[in-house]
C-alpha atoms as a PDB file:
ATOM      1  CA  MET A   1     -44.574-148.577 -28.659  1.00  0.00           C
ATOM      2  CA  LEU A   2     -41.462-148.462 -26.493  1.00  0.00           C
ATOM      3  CA  ASP A   3     -43.585-148.106 -23.357  1.00  0.00           C
ATOM      4  CA  LYS A   4     -45.513-151.231 -24.325  1.00  0.00           C
ATOM      5  CA  ALA A   5     -42.245-153.069 -24.940  1.00  0.00           C
ATOM      6  CA  ASP A   6     -40.932-151.966 -21.534  1.00  0.00           C
ATOM      7  CA  GLN A   7     -44.036-153.450 -19.925  1.00  0.00           C
ATOM      8  CA  LEU A   8     -42.857-156.893 -21.074  1.00  0.00           C
ATOM      9  CA  THR A   9     -40.080-156.745 -18.480  1.00  0.00           C
ATOM     10  CA  GLU A  10     -42.656-156.279 -15.722  1.00  0.00           C
ATOM     11  CA  CYS A  11     -44.731-159.383 -16.471  1.00  0.00           C
ATOM     12  CA  ASP A  12     -43.892-162.945 -15.481  1.00  0.00           C
ATOM     13  CA  ASP A  13     -44.305-164.320 -18.986  1.00  0.00           C
ATOM     14  CA  PRO A  14     -44.713-162.018 -22.029  1.00  0.00           C
ATOM     15  CA  ARG A  15     -46.363-164.864 -23.927  1.00  0.00           C
ATOM     16  CA  LYS A  16     -49.424-164.602 -21.684  1.00  0.00           C
ATOM     17  CA  HIS A  17     -49.901-160.884 -22.386  1.00  0.00           C
ATOM     18  CA  CYS A  18     -49.343-160.692 -26.148  1.00  0.00           C
ATOM     19  CA  LYS A  19     -51.035-162.314 -29.099  1.00  0.00           C
ATOM     20  CA  ARG A  20     -49.339-165.413 -30.504  1.00  0.00           C
ATOM     21  CA  LEU A  21     -49.030-165.312 -34.290  1.00  0.00           C
ATOM     22  CA  ALA A  22     -49.866-168.187 -36.610  1.00  0.00           C
ATOM     23  CA  GLY A  23     -48.814-169.361 -40.045  1.00  0.00           C
ATOM     24  CA  PRO A  24     -45.306-168.454 -41.197  1.00  0.00           C
ATOM     25  CA  LEU A  25     -44.792-166.377 -38.033  1.00  0.00           C
ATOM     26  CA  GLU A  26     -45.816-169.186 -35.670  1.00  0.00           C
ATOM     27  CA  GLY A  27     -43.792-168.923 -32.482  1.00  0.00           C
ATOM     28  CA  CYS A  28     -43.706-165.119 -32.670  1.00  0.00           C
ATOM     29  CA  TYR A  29     -45.805-162.667 -30.676  1.00  0.00           C
ATOM     30  CA  ARG A  30     -46.954-159.118 -31.317  1.00  0.00           C
ATOM     31  CA  ILE A  31     -47.392-155.821 -29.530  1.00  0.00           C
ATOM     32  CA  VAL A  32     -49.939-153.434 -31.033  1.00  0.00           C
ATOM     33  CA  TYR A  33     -50.004-149.645 -30.855  1.00  0.00           C
ATOM     34  CA  SER A  34     -52.412-147.987 -33.286  1.00  0.00           C
ATOM     35  CA  ARG A  35     -51.336-149.185 -36.782  1.00  0.00           C
ATOM     36  CA  TYR A  36     -47.850-150.137 -35.579  1.00  0.00           C
ATOM     37  CA  ARG A  37     -46.777-153.662 -34.726  1.00  0.00           C
ATOM     38  CA  ALA A  38     -43.697-154.968 -32.959  1.00  0.00           C
ATOM     39  CA  ILE A  39     -43.084-158.649 -33.577  1.00  0.00           C
ATOM     40  CA  PHE A  40     -40.889-160.583 -31.187  1.00  0.00           C
ATOM     41  CA  THR A  41     -39.838-164.057 -30.157  1.00  0.00           C
ATOM     42  CA  VAL A  42     -39.286-165.533 -26.714  1.00  0.00           C
ATOM     43  CA  GLU A  43     -36.610-168.120 -25.995  1.00  0.00           C
ATOM     44  CA  GLU A  44     -36.436-170.391 -22.969  1.00  0.00           C
ATOM     45  CA  GLU A  45     -33.232-171.819 -21.552  1.00  0.00           C
ATOM     46  CA  PRO A  46     -33.272-175.628 -21.213  1.00  0.00           C
ATOM     47  CA  LEU A  47     -31.217-177.094 -18.353  1.00  0.00           C
ATOM     48  CA  ALA A  48     -29.061-180.225 -18.505  1.00  0.00           C
ATOM     49  CA  THR A  49     -31.492-181.903 -16.079  1.00  0.00           C
ATOM     50  CA  GLY A  50     -34.257-181.701 -18.674  1.00  0.00           C
ATOM     51  CA  ASP A  51     -36.067-178.911 -16.838  1.00  0.00           C
ATOM     52  CA  VAL A  52     -36.645-175.525 -18.428  1.00  0.00           C
ATOM     53  CA  LEU A  53     -35.418-172.392 -16.695  1.00  0.00           C
ATOM     54  CA  VAL A  54     -38.140-169.746 -16.870  1.00  0.00           C
ATOM     55  CA  HIS A  55     -35.572-167.141 -17.841  1.00  0.00           C
ATOM     56  CA  LEU A  56     -36.977-165.545 -20.971  1.00  0.00           C
ATOM     57  CA  LYS A  57     -34.997-163.797 -23.650  1.00  0.00           C
ATOM     58  CA  VAL A  58     -37.146-161.485 -25.760  1.00  0.00           C
ATOM     59  CA  ILE A  59     -35.717-160.695 -29.185  1.00  0.00           C
ATOM     60  CA  PHE A  60     -37.569-158.118 -31.247  1.00  0.00           C
ATOM     61  CA  VAL A  61     -37.705-159.156 -34.868  1.00  0.00           C
ATOM     62  CA  VAL A  62     -39.229-156.054 -36.452  1.00  0.00           C
ATOM     63  CA  ALA A  63     -41.427-153.047 -35.706  1.00  0.00           C
ATOM     64  CA  GLY A  64     -43.417-151.156 -38.306  1.00  0.00           C
ATOM     65  CA  ILE A  65     -46.766-150.103 -39.726  1.00  0.00           C
ATOM     66  CA  ARG A  66     -49.439-152.626 -40.647  1.00  0.00           C
ATOM     67  CA  LYS A  67     -50.207-152.000 -44.354  1.00  0.00           C
ATOM     68  CA  GLU A  68     -52.100-155.001 -45.620  1.00  0.00           C
ATOM     69  CA  PHE A  69     -51.046-156.098 -49.140  1.00  0.00           C
ATOM     70  CA  ASP A  70     -48.087-153.652 -49.135  1.00  0.00           C
ATOM     71  CA  ARG A  71     -44.685-155.254 -49.730  1.00  0.00           C
ATOM     72  CA  ASN A  72     -43.366-153.320 -46.709  1.00  0.00           C
ATOM     73  CA  ASP A  73     -46.133-154.565 -44.416  1.00  0.00           C
ATOM     74  CA  VAL A  74     -44.627-155.391 -41.038  1.00  0.00           C
ATOM     75  CA  TYR A  75     -45.806-159.012 -41.199  1.00  0.00           C
ATOM     76  CA  ARG A  76     -44.222-159.595 -44.627  1.00  0.00           C
ATOM     77  CA  VAL A  77     -40.930-158.109 -43.445  1.00  0.00           C
ATOM     78  CA  ALA A  78     -41.063-160.189 -40.255  1.00  0.00           C
ATOM     79  CA  LYS A  79     -41.743-163.388 -42.209  1.00  0.00           C
ATOM     80  CA  LYS A  80     -38.612-162.825 -44.313  1.00  0.00           C
ATOM     81  CA  LEU A  81     -36.520-162.039 -41.250  1.00  0.00           C
ATOM     82  CA  VAL A  82     -37.766-165.059 -39.302  1.00  0.00           C
ATOM     83  CA  GLU A  83     -37.081-167.382 -42.221  1.00  0.00           C
ATOM     84  CA  ASN A  84     -33.712-165.992 -43.307  1.00  0.00           C
ATOM     85  CA  VAL A  85     -32.028-163.948 -40.586  1.00  0.00           C
ATOM     86  CA  LEU A  86     -33.288-164.839 -37.122  1.00  0.00           C
ATOM     87  CA  PRO A  87     -31.866-168.382 -36.886  1.00  0.00           C
ATOM     88  CA  THR A  88     -28.294-167.161 -37.459  1.00  0.00           C
ATOM     89  CA  LEU A  89     -28.799-163.955 -35.469  1.00  0.00           C
ATOM     90  CA  SER A  90     -29.949-165.927 -32.440  1.00  0.00           C
ATOM     91  CA  ASP A  91     -26.768-168.050 -32.587  1.00  0.00           C
ATOM     92  CA  GLU A  92     -24.607-164.920 -32.872  1.00  0.00           C
ATOM     93  CA  ILE A  93     -26.309-163.331 -29.859  1.00  0.00           C
ATOM     94  CA  ASP A  94     -25.740-166.502 -27.810  1.00  0.00           C
ATOM     95  CA  GLU A  95     -22.042-166.541 -28.779  1.00  0.00           C
ATOM     96  CA  PHE A  96     -21.677-162.844 -27.849  1.00  0.00           C
ATOM     97  CA  GLU A  97     -23.316-163.414 -24.470  1.00  0.00           C
ATOM     98  CA  LEU A  98     -20.982-166.354 -23.767  1.00  0.00           C
ATOM     99  CA  ARG A  99     -17.922-164.239 -24.634  1.00  0.00           C
ATOM    100  CA  GLU A 100     -19.204-161.425 -22.383  1.00  0.00           C
ATOM    101  CA  LYS A 101     -19.824-163.854 -19.508  1.00  0.00           C
ATOM    102  CA  ASP A 102     -16.337-165.396 -19.880  1.00  0.00           C
ATOM    103  CA  SER A 103     -14.584-162.017 -19.995  1.00  0.00           C
ATOM    104  CA  GLY A 104     -16.602-160.475 -17.150  1.00  0.00           C
END
């Protein structure tokens, strides 16, 4: 699974090489290895000019086994994380990166 994740850094746009999810996980993508899934999001950086910088930030939401109808199924866990945790986590990561940039 880690090898597949590393391959994302080698492609121009990970969204073109991974399946886009629908429903409650719309906007997320997946990597598949056997019964395991890694679910991730991709963020673009908008510029003040209105253009979009094609600098992509890949944030992995969750990785786990696909067990349909199990409460620990990777998609159920991801749905909860995307709804409840990811919005605030993304803001915290942005703040950390700004602090690192200012101190470095």
